[in-house]
Amino acid sequence: MAIGLSPMRFLPRLKDRLLDIIYPPICQSCGTMGFWLCDTCLMTVEEAVLTPEAPEGINGVISCFAYSDPKVRTLTASYKYRSARAFEAAQVTLLTHWVQQNSLPLWAFSESAILIPILSPESRIATRGINHTLRLAQTIKQSFGLPSPIVTLLGRLEHDKHNAELEHEERAQNVAQTFCLLSAVPKHVILIDDVLTTGATLAEAARVLREGGAEQVYAITFARG
């Protein structure tokens, strides 16, 4: 066997091929065979407002796509609740195209910052079989070419209800006191989450981080509701 050609390198690719045979990809928007989200549908995804109002405690926020677009809802919900990692390629394509069309603020490229994914409670990660916001942080870092390291600095305590099940005014109460610090907090942090709706989750995370010593707290989300 040639040096460096370990069979282990090809197992993930073989697994994807087998899954494609058993569950052939079908565009979740228009039904075209061979794609989970075809090129035509990818290029018609609605972008979010470029300069949205930032949640309390957040210095600035980037939200890329509009959650009102059914294609965006399919991507985010399937990825989060159905562990559909096949959609990661579509995420990379969308984010890479987005950043080519839009200028990122200087804070996104600060070498002193760290990227902090907003994690789900451990029981939900175990149930879903995927740490979706950690993987999303890796996708955003890759697609945007960000220099910051990814650090799972925020722990997430259990809470009874999913925010998606609640009215806007109930979400702040649901996420109150659910975050804890796992290590020392740097002065400049960038939070990563899938969807920004009321901003309650980001605001609570920012509060905990600022109490821990953060001076600048920014956020990047895949979508905005």
C-alpha atoms as a PDB file:
ATOM      1  CA  MET A   1       0.000   0.000   0.000  1.00  0.00           C
ATOM      2  CA  ALA A   2       1.306   3.442  -0.886  1.00  0.00           C
ATOM      3  CA  ILE A   3       2.258   5.658   2.031  1.00  0.00           C
ATOM      4  CA  GLY A   4      -0.537   8.023   3.072  1.00  0.00           C
ATOM      5  CA  LEU A   5      -3.361   6.096   1.370  1.00  0.00           C
ATOM      6  CA  SER A   6      -5.035   4.729   4.477  1.00  0.00           C
ATOM      7  CA  PRO A   7      -8.454   3.151   3.812  1.00  0.00           C
ATOM      8  CA  MET A   8      -9.812   5.120   6.793  1.00  0.00           C
ATOM      9  CA  ARG A   9      -9.588   8.291   4.701  1.00  0.00           C
ATOM     10  CA  PHE A  10     -12.149   6.916   2.239  1.00  0.00           C
ATOM     11  CA  LEU A  11     -14.714   5.554   4.714  1.00  0.00           C
ATOM     12  CA  PRO A  12     -16.691   8.845   5.111  1.00  0.00           C
ATOM     13  CA  ARG A  13     -16.836   9.211   1.319  1.00  0.00           C
ATOM     14  CA  LEU A  14     -17.988   5.583   0.922  1.00  0.00           C
ATOM     15  CA  LYS A  15     -20.652   6.113   3.595  1.00  0.00           C
ATOM     16  CA  ASP A  16     -21.976   9.182   1.739  1.00  0.00           C
ATOM     17  CA  ARG A  17     -22.098   7.201  -1.530  1.00  0.00           C
ATOM     18  CA  LEU A  18     -24.056   4.363   0.101  1.00  0.00           C
ATOM     19  CA  LEU A  19     -26.507   6.800   1.675  1.00  0.00           C
ATOM     20  CA  ASP A  20     -27.019   8.469  -1.720  1.00  0.00           C
ATOM     21  CA  ILE A  21     -27.929   5.058  -3.173  1.00  0.00           C
ATOM     22  CA  ILE A  22     -30.336   4.140  -0.355  1.00  0.00           C
ATOM     23  CA  TYR A  23     -31.787   7.655   0.008  1.00  0.00           C
ATOM     24  CA  PRO A  24     -31.276   9.421  -3.338  1.00  0.00           C
ATOM     25  CA  PRO A  25     -30.911  13.209  -2.929  1.00  0.00           C
ATOM     26  CA  ILE A  26     -34.033  15.151  -3.893  1.00  0.00           C
ATOM     27  CA  CYS A  27     -34.098  18.958  -3.870  1.00  0.00           C
ATOM     28  CA  GLN A  28     -36.097  19.932  -0.801  1.00  0.00           C
ATOM     29  CA  SER A  29     -37.507  22.941  -2.633  1.00  0.00           C
ATOM     30  CA  CYS A  30     -38.410  21.926  -6.209  1.00  0.00           C
ATOM     31  CA  GLY A  31     -38.032  18.118  -6.202  1.00  0.00           C
ATOM     32  CA  THR A  32     -35.174  17.902  -8.724  1.00  0.00           C
ATOM     33  CA  MET A  33     -33.376  14.571  -8.386  1.00  0.00           C
ATOM     34  CA  GLY A  34     -29.674  14.424  -7.583  1.00  0.00           C
ATOM     35  CA  PHE A  35     -29.506  17.395  -5.191  1.00  0.00           C
ATOM     36  CA  TRP A  36     -30.583  18.107  -1.633  1.00  0.00           C
ATOM     37  CA  LEU A  37     -30.940  21.710  -2.775  1.00  0.00           C
ATOM     38  CA  CYS A  38     -30.367  22.270  -6.488  1.00  0.00           C
ATOM     39  CA  ASP A  39     -28.244  25.090  -7.933  1.00  0.00           C
ATOM     40  CA  THR A  40     -31.284  27.022  -9.165  1.00  0.00           C
ATOM     41  CA  CYS A  41     -32.930  26.976  -5.743  1.00  0.00           C
ATOM     42  CA  LEU A  42     -29.662  27.782  -3.991  1.00  0.00           C
ATOM     43  CA  MET A  43     -29.248  30.936  -6.063  1.00  0.00           C
ATOM     44  CA  THR A  44     -32.758  32.165  -5.253  1.00  0.00           C
ATOM     45  CA  VAL A  45     -32.417  32.007  -1.464  1.00  0.00           C
ATOM     46  CA  GLU A  46     -33.573  35.279   0.117  1.00  0.00           C
ATOM     47  CA  GLU A  47     -30.946  37.238   2.030  1.00  0.00           C
ATOM     48  CA  ALA A  48     -31.607  38.871   5.394  1.00  0.00           C
ATOM     49  CA  VAL A  49     -31.455  42.609   6.034  1.00  0.00           C
ATOM     50  CA  LEU A  50     -27.794  43.624   5.942  1.00  0.00           C
ATOM     51  CA  THR A  51     -27.839  45.900   8.999  1.00  0.00           C
ATOM     52  CA  PRO A  52     -30.314  44.376  11.442  1.00  0.00           C
ATOM     53  CA  GLU A  53     -30.866  45.748  14.920  1.00  0.00           C
ATOM     54  CA  ALA A  54     -28.544  43.977  17.346  1.00  0.00           C
ATOM     55  CA  PRO A  55     -29.929  42.242  20.465  1.00  0.00           C
ATOM     56  CA  GLU A  56     -29.178  43.743  23.863  1.00  0.00           C
ATOM     57  CA  GLY A  57     -25.513  43.393  24.799  1.00  0.00           C
ATOM     58  CA  ILE A  58     -24.416  42.641  21.224  1.00  0.00           C
ATOM     59  CA  ASN A  59     -22.163  45.242  19.569  1.00  0.00           C
ATOM     60  CA  GLY A  60     -22.938  44.086  16.045  1.00  0.00           C
ATOM     61  CA  VAL A  61     -24.560  41.171  14.254  1.00  0.00           C
ATOM     62  CA  ILE A  62     -24.408  39.554  10.811  1.00  0.00           C
ATOM     63  CA  SER A  63     -27.431  37.508   9.715  1.00  0.00           C
ATOM     64  CA  CYS A  64     -27.071  36.074   6.234  1.00  0.00           C
ATOM     65  CA  PHE A  65     -30.430  34.679   5.104  1.00  0.00           C
ATOM     66  CA  ALA A  66     -34.121  35.297   5.708  1.00  0.00           C
ATOM     67  CA  TYR A  67     -35.814  32.576   7.745  1.00  0.00           C
ATOM     68  CA  SER A  68     -39.077  33.515   6.021  1.00  0.00           C
ATOM     69  CA  ASP A  69     -37.717  31.828   2.877  1.00  0.00           C
ATOM     70  CA  PRO A  70     -39.018  28.217   2.918  1.00  0.00           C
ATOM     71  CA  LYS A  71     -35.678  26.962   1.560  1.00  0.00           C
ATOM     72  CA  VAL A  72     -33.837  28.508   4.510  1.00  0.00           C
ATOM     73  CA  ARG A  73     -36.321  27.009   6.974  1.00  0.00           C
ATOM     74  CA  THR A  74     -35.830  23.587   5.397  1.00  0.00           C
ATOM     75  CA  LEU A  75     -32.041  23.859   5.623  1.00  0.00           C
ATOM     76  CA  THR A  76     -31.972  25.005   9.237  1.00  0.00           C
ATOM     77  CA  ALA A  77     -34.747  22.790  10.610  1.00  0.00           C
ATOM     78  CA  SER A  78     -33.595  19.624   8.815  1.00  0.00           C
ATOM     79  CA  TYR A  79     -29.997  20.213   9.859  1.00  0.00           C
ATOM     80  CA  LYS A  80     -30.937  20.852  13.487  1.00  0.00           C
ATOM     81  CA  TYR A  81     -33.731  18.365  14.126  1.00  0.00           C
ATOM     82  CA  ARG A  82     -33.076  15.627  11.561  1.00  0.00           C
ATOM     83  CA  SER A  83     -29.248  15.685  11.731  1.00  0.00           C
ATOM     84  CA  ALA A  84     -29.200  16.143   7.944  1.00  0.00           C
ATOM     85  CA  ARG A  85     -25.485  16.720   7.500  1.00  0.00           C
ATOM     86  CA  ALA A  86     -25.944  16.317   3.756  1.00  0.00           C
ATOM     87  CA  PHE A  87     -27.081  19.946   3.822  1.00  0.00           C
ATOM     88  CA  GLU A  88     -23.647  21.150   4.968  1.00  0.00           C
ATOM     89  CA  ALA A  89     -22.462  21.340   1.347  1.00  0.00           C
ATOM     90  CA  ALA A  90     -25.436  23.584   0.554  1.00  0.00           C
ATOM     91  CA  GLN A  91     -24.583  25.755   3.566  1.00  0.00           C
ATOM     92  CA  VAL A  92     -21.000  26.162   2.349  1.00  0.00           C
ATOM     93  CA  THR A  93     -22.195  27.100  -1.148  1.00  0.00           C
ATOM     94  CA  LEU A  94     -24.689  29.629   0.197  1.00  0.00           C
ATOM     95  CA  LEU A  95     -22.302  31.235   2.679  1.00  0.00           C
ATOM     96  CA  THR A  96     -19.436  31.385   0.189  1.00  0.00           C
ATOM     97  CA  HIS A  97     -21.715  33.091  -2.351  1.00  0.00           C
ATOM     98  CA  TRP A  98     -23.057  35.451   0.338  1.00  0.00           C
ATOM     99  CA  VAL A  99     -19.628  36.628   1.435  1.00  0.00           C
ATOM    100  CA  GLN A 100     -18.612  37.211  -2.188  1.00  0.00           C
ATOM    101  CA  GLN A 101     -21.560  39.606  -2.547  1.00  0.00           C
ATOM    102  CA  ASN A 102     -21.339  41.347   0.838  1.00  0.00           C
ATOM    103  CA  SER A 103     -18.523  42.999   2.757  1.00  0.00           C
ATOM    104  CA  LEU A 104     -17.881  41.691   6.248  1.00  0.00           C
ATOM    105  CA  PRO A 105     -17.170  44.270   8.980  1.00  0.00           C
ATOM    106  CA  LEU A 106     -13.638  44.547  10.324  1.00  0.00           C
ATOM    107  CA  TRP A 107     -14.594  42.981  13.656  1.00  0.00           C
ATOM    108  CA  ALA A 108     -15.198  39.640  11.920  1.00  0.00           C
ATOM    109  CA  PHE A 109     -11.500  39.407  11.041  1.00  0.00           C
ATOM    110  CA  SER A 110     -10.042  40.380  14.403  1.00  0.00           C
ATOM    111  CA  GLU A 111      -7.246  37.947  15.257  1.00  0.00           C
ATOM    112  CA  SER A 112      -7.837  38.588  18.956  1.00  0.00           C
ATOM    113  CA  ALA A 113     -11.426  37.296  18.811  1.00  0.00           C
ATOM    114  CA  ILE A 114     -12.700  33.786  19.360  1.00  0.00           C
ATOM    115  CA  LEU A 115     -15.757  32.132  17.804  1.00  0.00           C
ATOM    116  CA  ILE A 116     -18.203  30.747  20.366  1.00  0.00           C
ATOM    117  CA  PRO A 117     -21.052  28.513  19.118  1.00  0.00           C
ATOM    118  CA  ILE A 118     -24.343  28.712  21.014  1.00  0.00           C
ATOM    119  CA  LEU A 119     -24.629  25.051  21.958  1.00  0.00           C
ATOM    120  CA  SER A 120     -27.785  23.115  22.747  1.00  0.00           C
ATOM    121  CA  PRO A 121     -28.042  21.251  26.069  1.00  0.00           C
ATOM    122  CA  GLU A 122     -26.042  18.012  26.042  1.00  0.00           C
ATOM    123  CA  SER A 123     -29.168  15.826  26.171  1.00  0.00           C
ATOM    124  CA  ARG A 124     -30.449  17.355  22.933  1.00  0.00           C
ATOM    125  CA  ILE A 125     -27.088  16.992  21.227  1.00  0.00           C
ATOM    126  CA  ALA A 126     -27.103  13.314  22.231  1.00  0.00           C
ATOM    127  CA  THR A 127     -30.677  12.837  20.984  1.00  0.00           C
ATOM    128  CA  ARG A 128     -30.044  14.541  17.638  1.00  0.00           C
ATOM    129  CA  GLY A 129     -26.669  12.879  17.126  1.00  0.00           C
ATOM    130  CA  ILE A 130     -25.125  16.127  15.947  1.00  0.00           C
ATOM    131  CA  ASN A 131     -23.647  19.226  17.582  1.00  0.00           C
ATOM    132  CA  HIS A 132     -25.143  21.419  14.883  1.00  0.00           C
ATOM    133  CA  THR A 133     -23.962  24.862  16.018  1.00  0.00           C
ATOM    134  CA  LEU A 134     -20.387  23.661  16.487  1.00  0.00           C
ATOM    135  CA  ARG A 135     -20.426  22.283  12.951  1.00  0.00           C
ATOM    136  CA  LEU A 136     -22.083  25.499  11.730  1.00  0.00           C
ATOM    137  CA  ALA A 137     -19.280  27.509  13.351  1.00  0.00           C
ATOM    138  CA  GLN A 138     -16.763  25.381  11.451  1.00  0.00           C
ATOM    139  CA  THR A 139     -18.703  25.955   8.213  1.00  0.00           C
ATOM    140  CA  ILE A 140     -18.879  29.730   8.758  1.00  0.00           C
ATOM    141  CA  LYS A 141     -15.192  29.925   9.649  1.00  0.00           C
ATOM    142  CA  GLN A 142     -14.300  28.002   6.480  1.00  0.00           C
ATOM    143  CA  SER A 143     -16.693  29.859   4.162  1.00  0.00           C
ATOM    144  CA  PHE A 144     -15.841  33.350   5.448  1.00  0.00           C
ATOM    145  CA  GLY A 145     -12.120  32.709   5.905  1.00  0.00           C
ATOM    146  CA  LEU A 146     -12.186  33.866   9.525  1.00  0.00           C
ATOM    147  CA  PRO A 147      -8.897  33.758  11.474  1.00  0.00           C
ATOM    148  CA  SER A 148     -10.491  33.210  14.891  1.00  0.00           C
ATOM    149  CA  PRO A 149     -10.333  29.828  16.642  1.00  0.00           C
ATOM    150  CA  ILE A 150     -13.552  28.069  17.677  1.00  0.00           C
ATOM    151  CA  VAL A 151     -13.892  27.598  21.431  1.00  0.00           C
ATOM    152  CA  THR A 152     -16.786  25.889  23.232  1.00  0.00           C
ATOM    153  CA  LEU A 153     -16.577  28.372  26.083  1.00  0.00           C
ATOM    154  CA  LEU A 154     -20.298  28.564  26.896  1.00  0.00           C
ATOM    155  CA  GLY A 155     -21.954  25.595  28.551  1.00  0.00           C
ATOM    156  CA  ARG A 156     -25.719  25.159  28.181  1.00  0.00           C
ATOM    157  CA  LEU A 157     -27.902  23.977  31.030  1.00  0.00           C
ATOM    158  CA  GLU A 158     -31.070  21.980  30.509  1.00  0.00           C
ATOM    159  CA  HIS A 159     -34.364  23.809  30.031  1.00  0.00           C
ATOM    160  CA  ASP A 160     -37.817  22.353  29.625  1.00  0.00           C
ATOM    161  CA  LYS A 161     -39.012  23.846  26.358  1.00  0.00           C
ATOM    162  CA  HIS A 162     -37.624  24.555  22.907  1.00  0.00           C
ATOM    163  CA  ASN A 163     -37.595  28.260  22.053  1.00  0.00           C
ATOM    164  CA  ALA A 164     -39.239  27.396  18.737  1.00  0.00           C
ATOM    165  CA  GLU A 165     -42.323  26.288  20.676  1.00  0.00           C
ATOM    166  CA  LEU A 166     -42.697  29.594  22.533  1.00  0.00           C
ATOM    167  CA  GLU A 167     -44.125  33.016  21.857  1.00  0.00           C
ATOM    168  CA  HIS A 168     -41.620  35.846  21.575  1.00  0.00           C
ATOM    169  CA  GLU A 169     -42.211  37.215  25.061  1.00  0.00           C
ATOM    170  CA  GLU A 170     -41.670  33.759  26.626  1.00  0.00           C
ATOM    171  CA  ARG A 171     -38.270  33.123  25.070  1.00  0.00           C
ATOM    172  CA  ALA A 172     -36.262  35.442  27.319  1.00  0.00           C
ATOM    173  CA  GLN A 173     -37.625  33.701  30.411  1.00  0.00           C
ATOM    174  CA  ASN A 174     -36.907  30.279  28.879  1.00  0.00           C
ATOM    175  CA  VAL A 175     -33.205  30.998  28.304  1.00  0.00           C
ATOM    176  CA  ALA A 176     -32.579  32.955  31.520  1.00  0.00           C
ATOM    177  CA  GLN A 177     -29.765  31.461  33.588  1.00  0.00           C
ATOM    178  CA  THR A 178     -29.158  28.641  31.086  1.00  0.00           C
ATOM    179  CA  PHE A 179     -25.545  29.508  30.189  1.00  0.00           C
ATOM    180  CA  CYS A 180     -22.397  28.942  32.205  1.00  0.00           C
ATOM    181  CA  LEU A 181     -18.737  29.707  31.537  1.00  0.00           C
ATOM    182  CA  LEU A 182     -16.402  26.760  30.960  1.00  0.00           C
ATOM    183  CA  SER A 183     -13.164  28.761  30.827  1.00  0.00           C
ATOM    184  CA  ALA A 184     -11.752  32.280  31.003  1.00  0.00           C
ATOM    185  CA  VAL A 185     -13.402  34.829  28.721  1.00  0.00           C
ATOM    186  CA  PRO A 186     -11.334  36.944  26.300  1.00  0.00           C
ATOM    187  CA  LYS A 187     -12.185  40.591  25.672  1.00  0.00           C
ATOM    188  CA  HIS A 188     -13.434  40.063  22.099  1.00  0.00           C
ATOM    189  CA  VAL A 189     -15.858  37.270  21.211  1.00  0.00           C
ATOM    190  CA  ILE A 190     -18.082  36.364  18.248  1.00  0.00           C
ATOM    191  CA  LEU A 191     -21.136  34.212  18.947  1.00  0.00           C
ATOM    192  CA  ILE A 192     -22.364  31.758  16.299  1.00  0.00           C
ATOM    193  CA  ASP A 193     -25.972  30.562  16.088  1.00  0.00           C
ATOM    194  CA  ASP A 194     -28.301  29.184  13.444  1.00  0.00           C
ATOM    195  CA  VAL A 195     -31.294  31.541  13.659  1.00  0.00           C
ATOM    196  CA  LEU A 196     -31.794  34.958  15.246  1.00  0.00           C
ATOM    197  CA  THR A 197     -35.459  35.566  16.079  1.00  0.00           C
ATOM    198  CA  THR A 198     -36.206  37.662  19.165  1.00  0.00           C
ATOM    199  CA  GLY A 199     -32.537  37.863  20.137  1.00  0.00           C
ATOM    200  CA  ALA A 200     -33.235  36.502  23.635  1.00  0.00           C
ATOM    201  CA  THR A 201     -30.665  33.698  23.398  1.00  0.00           C
ATOM    202  CA  LEU A 202     -27.880  35.956  22.100  1.00  0.00           C
ATOM    203  CA  ALA A 203     -28.702  38.624  24.692  1.00  0.00           C
ATOM    204  CA  GLU A 204     -28.509  36.112  27.566  1.00  0.00           C
ATOM    205  CA  ALA A 205     -25.246  34.675  26.233  1.00  0.00           C
ATOM    206  CA  ALA A 206     -23.833  38.209  25.915  1.00  0.00           C
ATOM    207  CA  ARG A 207     -24.840  39.004  29.510  1.00  0.00           C
ATOM    208  CA  VAL A 208     -22.976  35.977  30.858  1.00  0.00           C
ATOM    209  CA  LEU A 209     -19.910  36.685  28.730  1.00  0.00           C
ATOM    210  CA  ARG A 210     -19.757  40.335  29.773  1.00  0.00           C
ATOM    211  CA  GLU A 211     -20.039  39.361  33.430  1.00  0.00           C
ATOM    212  CA  GLY A 212     -17.081  37.063  32.757  1.00  0.00           C
ATOM    213  CA  GLY A 213     -14.946  39.871  31.328  1.00  0.00           C
ATOM    214  CA  ALA A 214     -15.852  40.228  27.636  1.00  0.00           C
ATOM    215  CA  GLU A 215     -15.776  43.823  26.401  1.00  0.00           C
ATOM    216  CA  GLN A 216     -16.850  43.362  22.777  1.00  0.00           C
ATOM    217  CA  VAL A 217     -19.522  40.778  21.900  1.00  0.00           C
ATOM    218  CA  TYR A 218     -20.574  40.277  18.290  1.00  0.00           C
ATOM    219  CA  ALA A 219     -22.671  37.606  16.585  1.00  0.00           C
ATOM    220  CA  ILE A 220     -23.016  35.789  13.266  1.00  0.00           C
ATOM    221  CA  THR A 221     -26.146  33.790  12.466  1.00  0.00           C
ATOM    222  CA  PHE A 222     -27.020  31.740   9.402  1.00  0.00           C
ATOM    223  CA  ALA A 223     -30.543  33.168   9.287  1.00  0.00           C
ATOM    224  CA  ARG A 224     -32.785  35.802  10.820  1.00  0.00           C
ATOM    225  CA  GLY A 225     -36.471  35.337  11.557  1.00  0.00           C
END
